[in-house]
Amino acid sequence: MSTLKVPVNSRDRMRGDPNASVTLVEYGDYQCPYCAIANPILRSLESRFGRALCVVFRHFPLVEVHPLAAPAAEAAEYAGDHGRFWEMHDAVYSNQHRLSTQLLFAIAGTLQLSQMGLRESLIRALHDDKIRADFIGGVRSGVNGTPSFFVNGVRHQGGFSAPELAASIQFAMDALAPVR
């Protein structure tokens, strides 16, 4: 069973309470159709489990098959520098069917982010170190495709349907519950 080799840390993009009893780490690719399908499922799990769940997103752009995954990851990190990571993240997945550089600029405009700043970030690959570190951490943890999930540091060995992920989250919660 694979485990997360790079612990969740302050460089990660998190949604939810960082002290939650369960942390779900996703390694994702913004051009992966399965990641786009998984995104609203994760949102529903966040609602279901509330403060007990923290979701972390790590970049795993499979650029050989998804050439727009790296620019989308760069755009998300640029947005994150301005406190808008999750808005960019969700907008990219919601509009993945028309993913393009133009879409990234349009989303940035909608989020009231500087399009010139985004252009510079894309040209200079300002967040490449973070994206590469996420990717390498994923490889070290046994990730070989997207989406890949870890629940409290242990690789989720199933599909990414709501019932399957919810069962893994609940199992992790139950494991932490005091024995009666």
C-alpha atoms as a PDB file:
ATOM      1  CA  MET A   1       0.000   0.000   0.000  1.00  0.00           C
ATOM      2  CA  SER A   2       1.449   3.369  -1.046  1.00  0.00           C
ATOM      3  CA  THR A   3       1.829   6.217   1.384  1.00  0.00           C
ATOM      4  CA  LEU A   4       2.278   9.934   0.941  1.00  0.00           C
ATOM      5  CA  LYS A   5       6.028  10.592   0.931  1.00  0.00           C
ATOM      6  CA  VAL A   6       5.758  14.387   1.220  1.00  0.00           C
ATOM      7  CA  PRO A   7       3.640  15.368   4.234  1.00  0.00           C
ATOM      8  CA  VAL A   8       1.037  18.086   3.850  1.00  0.00           C
ATOM      9  CA  ASN A   9       2.762  21.398   4.510  1.00  0.00           C
ATOM     10  CA  SER A  10       2.357  25.159   4.307  1.00  0.00           C
ATOM     11  CA  ARG A  11       3.121  25.240   0.554  1.00  0.00           C
ATOM     12  CA  ASP A  12       0.076  23.086  -0.189  1.00  0.00           C
ATOM     13  CA  ARG A  13      -3.215  24.472  -1.463  1.00  0.00           C
ATOM     14  CA  MET A  14      -5.796  23.488   1.157  1.00  0.00           C
ATOM     15  CA  ARG A  15      -9.515  23.919   1.485  1.00  0.00           C
ATOM     16  CA  GLY A  16     -10.972  23.303   4.914  1.00  0.00           C
ATOM     17  CA  ASP A  17      -9.599  23.150   8.418  1.00  0.00           C
ATOM     18  CA  PRO A  18      -5.892  22.234   8.367  1.00  0.00           C
ATOM     19  CA  ASN A  19      -6.471  20.518  11.718  1.00  0.00           C
ATOM     20  CA  ALA A  20      -9.321  18.362  10.400  1.00  0.00           C
ATOM     21  CA  SER A  21      -9.342  14.743  11.462  1.00  0.00           C
ATOM     22  CA  VAL A  22      -9.100  13.626   7.813  1.00  0.00           C
ATOM     23  CA  THR A  23      -6.959  15.116   5.074  1.00  0.00           C
ATOM     24  CA  LEU A  24      -7.682  14.103   1.492  1.00  0.00           C
ATOM     25  CA  VAL A  25      -4.808  14.838  -0.894  1.00  0.00           C
ATOM     26  CA  GLU A  26      -5.538  14.814  -4.614  1.00  0.00           C
ATOM     27  CA  TYR A  27      -2.866  14.677  -7.285  1.00  0.00           C
ATOM     28  CA  GLY A  28      -4.575  16.180 -10.300  1.00  0.00           C
ATOM     29  CA  ASP A  29      -4.112  17.428 -13.842  1.00  0.00           C
ATOM     30  CA  TYR A  30      -6.251  20.300 -15.118  1.00  0.00           C
ATOM     31  CA  GLN A  31      -6.697  18.725 -18.549  1.00  0.00           C
ATOM     32  CA  CYS A  32      -7.561  15.248 -17.249  1.00  0.00           C
ATOM     33  CA  PRO A  33     -11.262  14.560 -17.883  1.00  0.00           C
ATOM     34  CA  TYR A  34     -11.453  12.266 -14.847  1.00  0.00           C
ATOM     35  CA  CYS A  35     -10.124  15.031 -12.585  1.00  0.00           C
ATOM     36  CA  ALA A  36     -12.847  17.335 -13.919  1.00  0.00           C
ATOM     37  CA  ILE A  37     -15.452  14.682 -13.076  1.00  0.00           C
ATOM     38  CA  ALA A  38     -13.953  14.233  -9.607  1.00  0.00           C
ATOM     39  CA  ASN A  39     -13.972  17.949  -8.746  1.00  0.00           C
ATOM     40  CA  PRO A  40     -17.715  18.327  -7.983  1.00  0.00           C
ATOM     41  CA  ILE A  41     -17.586  15.004  -6.128  1.00  0.00           C
ATOM     42  CA  LEU A  42     -14.905  16.429  -3.853  1.00  0.00           C
ATOM     43  CA  ARG A  43     -16.987  19.562  -3.326  1.00  0.00           C
ATOM     44  CA  SER A  44     -19.936  17.407  -2.242  1.00  0.00           C
ATOM     45  CA  LEU A  45     -17.702  15.462   0.161  1.00  0.00           C
ATOM     46  CA  GLU A  46     -16.479  18.736   1.643  1.00  0.00           C
ATOM     47  CA  SER A  47     -20.103  19.676   2.313  1.00  0.00           C
ATOM     48  CA  ARG A  48     -20.914  16.250   3.694  1.00  0.00           C
ATOM     49  CA  PHE A  49     -17.971  15.960   6.088  1.00  0.00           C
ATOM     50  CA  GLY A  50     -17.641  19.659   6.935  1.00  0.00           C
ATOM     51  CA  ARG A  51     -14.893  20.620   9.363  1.00  0.00           C
ATOM     52  CA  ALA A  52     -13.790  16.998   9.699  1.00  0.00           C
ATOM     53  CA  LEU A  53     -12.296  17.089   6.161  1.00  0.00           C
ATOM     54  CA  CYS A  54      -9.437  19.103   4.703  1.00  0.00           C
ATOM     55  CA  VAL A  55      -8.849  18.805   0.945  1.00  0.00           C
ATOM     56  CA  VAL A  56      -5.396  19.391  -0.519  1.00  0.00           C
ATOM     57  CA  PHE A  57      -4.670  19.742  -4.228  1.00  0.00           C
ATOM     58  CA  ARG A  58      -1.260  18.915  -5.658  1.00  0.00           C
ATOM     59  CA  HIS A  59      -0.305  19.329  -9.284  1.00  0.00           C
ATOM     60  CA  PHE A  60       0.458  16.290 -11.402  1.00  0.00           C
ATOM     61  CA  PRO A  61       0.390  17.639 -14.980  1.00  0.00           C
ATOM     62  CA  LEU A  62       0.781  14.836 -17.504  1.00  0.00           C
ATOM     63  CA  VAL A  63       2.167  17.185 -20.129  1.00  0.00           C
ATOM     64  CA  GLU A  64       2.907  14.492 -22.716  1.00  0.00           C
ATOM     65  CA  VAL A  65      -0.819  13.874 -23.178  1.00  0.00           C
ATOM     66  CA  HIS A  66      -2.219  17.103 -21.689  1.00  0.00           C
ATOM     67  CA  PRO A  67      -0.161  20.045 -22.998  1.00  0.00           C
ATOM     68  CA  LEU A  68      -2.455  22.617 -21.358  1.00  0.00           C
ATOM     69  CA  ALA A  69      -2.159  21.078 -17.880  1.00  0.00           C
ATOM     70  CA  ALA A  70       1.068  22.926 -17.029  1.00  0.00           C
ATOM     71  CA  PRO A  71      -0.159  26.400 -18.082  1.00  0.00           C
ATOM     72  CA  ALA A  72      -3.396  25.773 -16.175  1.00  0.00           C
ATOM     73  CA  ALA A  73      -1.391  24.770 -13.079  1.00  0.00           C
ATOM     74  CA  GLU A  74       0.687  27.934 -13.456  1.00  0.00           C
ATOM     75  CA  ALA A  75      -2.494  30.015 -13.744  1.00  0.00           C
ATOM     76  CA  ALA A  76      -3.949  28.378 -10.625  1.00  0.00           C
ATOM     77  CA  GLU A  77      -0.784  29.087  -8.654  1.00  0.00           C
ATOM     78  CA  TYR A  78      -0.745  32.685  -9.929  1.00  0.00           C
ATOM     79  CA  ALA A  79      -4.335  33.037  -8.741  1.00  0.00           C
ATOM     80  CA  GLY A  80      -3.296  31.469  -5.440  1.00  0.00           C
ATOM     81  CA  ASP A  81      -0.720  34.199  -4.947  1.00  0.00           C
ATOM     82  CA  HIS A  82      -3.708  36.550  -4.873  1.00  0.00           C
ATOM     83  CA  GLY A  83      -5.907  34.408  -2.623  1.00  0.00           C
ATOM     84  CA  ARG A  84      -7.966  33.025  -5.516  1.00  0.00           C
ATOM     85  CA  PHE A  85      -6.489  29.543  -6.062  1.00  0.00           C
ATOM     86  CA  TRP A  86      -9.686  27.610  -5.463  1.00  0.00           C
ATOM     87  CA  GLU A  87     -11.767  29.952  -7.617  1.00  0.00           C
ATOM     88  CA  MET A  88      -9.354  29.463 -10.552  1.00  0.00           C
ATOM     89  CA  HIS A  89      -9.139  25.728  -9.809  1.00  0.00           C
ATOM     90  CA  ASP A  90     -12.907  25.247  -9.875  1.00  0.00           C
ATOM     91  CA  ALA A  91     -13.380  27.516 -12.921  1.00  0.00           C
ATOM     92  CA  VAL A  92     -10.775  25.621 -14.948  1.00  0.00           C
ATOM     93  CA  TYR A  93     -12.432  22.294 -14.180  1.00  0.00           C
ATOM     94  CA  SER A  94     -15.917  23.678 -14.840  1.00  0.00           C
ATOM     95  CA  ASN A  95     -14.780  24.929 -18.251  1.00  0.00           C
ATOM     96  CA  GLN A  96     -12.327  22.154 -19.085  1.00  0.00           C
ATOM     97  CA  HIS A  97     -14.179  21.311 -22.305  1.00  0.00           C
ATOM     98  CA  ARG A  98     -12.893  24.628 -23.708  1.00  0.00           C
ATOM     99  CA  LEU A  99      -9.540  24.798 -21.928  1.00  0.00           C
ATOM    100  CA  SER A 100      -7.115  27.138 -23.666  1.00  0.00           C
ATOM    101  CA  THR A 101      -4.713  29.912 -22.813  1.00  0.00           C
ATOM    102  CA  GLN A 102      -7.471  32.363 -23.748  1.00  0.00           C
ATOM    103  CA  LEU A 103      -9.779  30.714 -21.212  1.00  0.00           C
ATOM    104  CA  LEU A 104      -7.155  31.108 -18.480  1.00  0.00           C
ATOM    105  CA  PHE A 105      -6.943  34.837 -19.233  1.00  0.00           C
ATOM    106  CA  ALA A 106     -10.734  35.121 -19.294  1.00  0.00           C
ATOM    107  CA  ILE A 107     -11.009  33.422 -15.897  1.00  0.00           C
ATOM    108  CA  ALA A 108      -8.277  35.689 -14.530  1.00  0.00           C
ATOM    109  CA  GLY A 109     -10.268  38.691 -15.731  1.00  0.00           C
ATOM    110  CA  THR A 110     -13.442  37.371 -14.132  1.00  0.00           C
ATOM    111  CA  LEU A 111     -11.531  36.918 -10.875  1.00  0.00           C
ATOM    112  CA  GLN A 112     -10.217  40.482 -11.193  1.00  0.00           C
ATOM    113  CA  LEU A 113      -6.637  39.289 -11.485  1.00  0.00           C
ATOM    114  CA  SER A 114      -4.095  41.114 -13.611  1.00  0.00           C
ATOM    115  CA  GLN A 115      -3.946  39.556 -17.046  1.00  0.00           C
ATOM    116  CA  MET A 116      -0.507  41.115 -17.531  1.00  0.00           C
ATOM    117  CA  GLY A 117       0.584  39.478 -14.282  1.00  0.00           C
ATOM    118  CA  LEU A 118      -0.762  36.137 -15.475  1.00  0.00           C
ATOM    119  CA  ARG A 119       1.005  36.579 -18.819  1.00  0.00           C
ATOM    120  CA  GLU A 120       4.311  37.190 -17.018  1.00  0.00           C
ATOM    121  CA  SER A 121       3.713  34.201 -14.733  1.00  0.00           C
ATOM    122  CA  LEU A 122       3.070  31.951 -17.740  1.00  0.00           C
ATOM    123  CA  ILE A 123       6.026  33.236 -19.774  1.00  0.00           C
ATOM    124  CA  ARG A 124       8.486  33.067 -16.901  1.00  0.00           C
ATOM    125  CA  ALA A 125       7.000  29.877 -15.353  1.00  0.00           C
ATOM    126  CA  LEU A 126       7.162  31.587 -11.973  1.00  0.00           C
ATOM    127  CA  HIS A 127       5.592  28.641 -10.142  1.00  0.00           C
ATOM    128  CA  ASP A 128       7.423  25.858 -11.938  1.00  0.00           C
ATOM    129  CA  ASP A 129       9.369  24.894  -8.794  1.00  0.00           C
ATOM    130  CA  LYS A 130       6.134  24.359  -6.820  1.00  0.00           C
ATOM    131  CA  ILE A 131       4.445  22.455  -9.638  1.00  0.00           C
ATOM    132  CA  ARG A 132       7.525  20.292 -10.209  1.00  0.00           C
ATOM    133  CA  ALA A 133       7.865  19.617  -6.462  1.00  0.00           C
ATOM    134  CA  ASP A 134       4.224  18.477  -6.348  1.00  0.00           C
ATOM    135  CA  PHE A 135       4.816  16.200  -9.338  1.00  0.00           C
ATOM    136  CA  ILE A 136       8.016  14.674  -7.943  1.00  0.00           C
ATOM    137  CA  GLY A 137       6.340  14.147  -4.564  1.00  0.00           C
ATOM    138  CA  GLY A 138       3.541  12.334  -6.383  1.00  0.00           C
ATOM    139  CA  VAL A 139       5.978  10.089  -8.237  1.00  0.00           C
ATOM    140  CA  ARG A 140       7.760   9.297  -4.965  1.00  0.00           C
ATOM    141  CA  SER A 141       4.371   8.410  -3.463  1.00  0.00           C
ATOM    142  CA  GLY A 142       3.533   5.996  -6.282  1.00  0.00           C
ATOM    143  CA  VAL A 143       1.245   8.255  -8.316  1.00  0.00           C
ATOM    144  CA  ASN A 144       1.195   7.235 -11.965  1.00  0.00           C
ATOM    145  CA  GLY A 145      -2.105   8.711 -13.132  1.00  0.00           C
ATOM    146  CA  THR A 146      -4.766  11.223 -12.269  1.00  0.00           C
ATOM    147  CA  PRO A 147      -6.727  11.695 -10.218  1.00  0.00           C
ATOM    148  CA  SER A 148      -4.920   9.942  -7.379  1.00  0.00           C
ATOM    149  CA  PHE A 149      -6.006  10.313  -3.773  1.00  0.00           C
ATOM    150  CA  PHE A 150      -4.463   9.827  -0.352  1.00  0.00           C
ATOM    151  CA  VAL A 151      -6.579   9.732   2.796  1.00  0.00           C
ATOM    152  CA  ASN A 152      -4.593  10.608   5.901  1.00  0.00           C
ATOM    153  CA  GLY A 153      -1.438   9.736   4.021  1.00  0.00           C
ATOM    154  CA  VAL A 154      -2.558   6.335   2.699  1.00  0.00           C
ATOM    155  CA  ARG A 155      -3.269   5.786  -0.996  1.00  0.00           C
ATOM    156  CA  HIS A 156      -6.985   5.415  -1.735  1.00  0.00           C
ATOM    157  CA  GLN A 157      -7.339   2.090  -3.536  1.00  0.00           C
ATOM    158  CA  GLY A 158     -10.583   2.554  -5.368  1.00  0.00           C
ATOM    159  CA  GLY A 159     -12.496   4.692  -7.760  1.00  0.00           C
ATOM    160  CA  PHE A 160     -13.307   8.322  -7.234  1.00  0.00           C
ATOM    161  CA  SER A 161     -17.068   8.023  -6.978  1.00  0.00           C
ATOM    162  CA  ALA A 162     -18.668   9.769  -4.018  1.00  0.00           C
ATOM    163  CA  PRO A 163     -19.520   6.480  -2.249  1.00  0.00           C
ATOM    164  CA  GLU A 164     -15.995   5.078  -2.664  1.00  0.00           C
ATOM    165  CA  LEU A 165     -14.201   8.218  -1.493  1.00  0.00           C
ATOM    166  CA  ALA A 166     -16.724   8.743   1.315  1.00  0.00           C
ATOM    167  CA  ALA A 167     -16.097   5.179   2.518  1.00  0.00           C
ATOM    168  CA  SER A 168     -12.330   5.835   2.667  1.00  0.00           C
ATOM    169  CA  ILE A 169     -12.886   9.093   4.537  1.00  0.00           C
ATOM    170  CA  GLN A 170     -15.293   7.429   6.961  1.00  0.00           C
ATOM    171  CA  PHE A 171     -12.867   4.538   7.492  1.00  0.00           C
ATOM    172  CA  ALA A 172     -10.133   7.038   8.394  1.00  0.00           C
ATOM    173  CA  MET A 173     -12.505   8.824  10.782  1.00  0.00           C
ATOM    174  CA  ASP A 174     -13.539   5.552  12.397  1.00  0.00           C
ATOM    175  CA  ALA A 175      -9.888   4.569  12.837  1.00  0.00           C
ATOM    176  CA  LEU A 176      -9.364   7.738  14.873  1.00  0.00           C
ATOM    177  CA  ALA A 177     -12.452   7.254  17.028  1.00  0.00           C
ATOM    178  CA  PRO A 178     -11.882   6.073  20.586  1.00  0.00           C
ATOM    179  CA  VAL A 179     -12.496   2.378  21.153  1.00  0.00           C
ATOM    180  CA  ARG A 180     -15.537   1.652  23.313  1.00  0.00           C
END
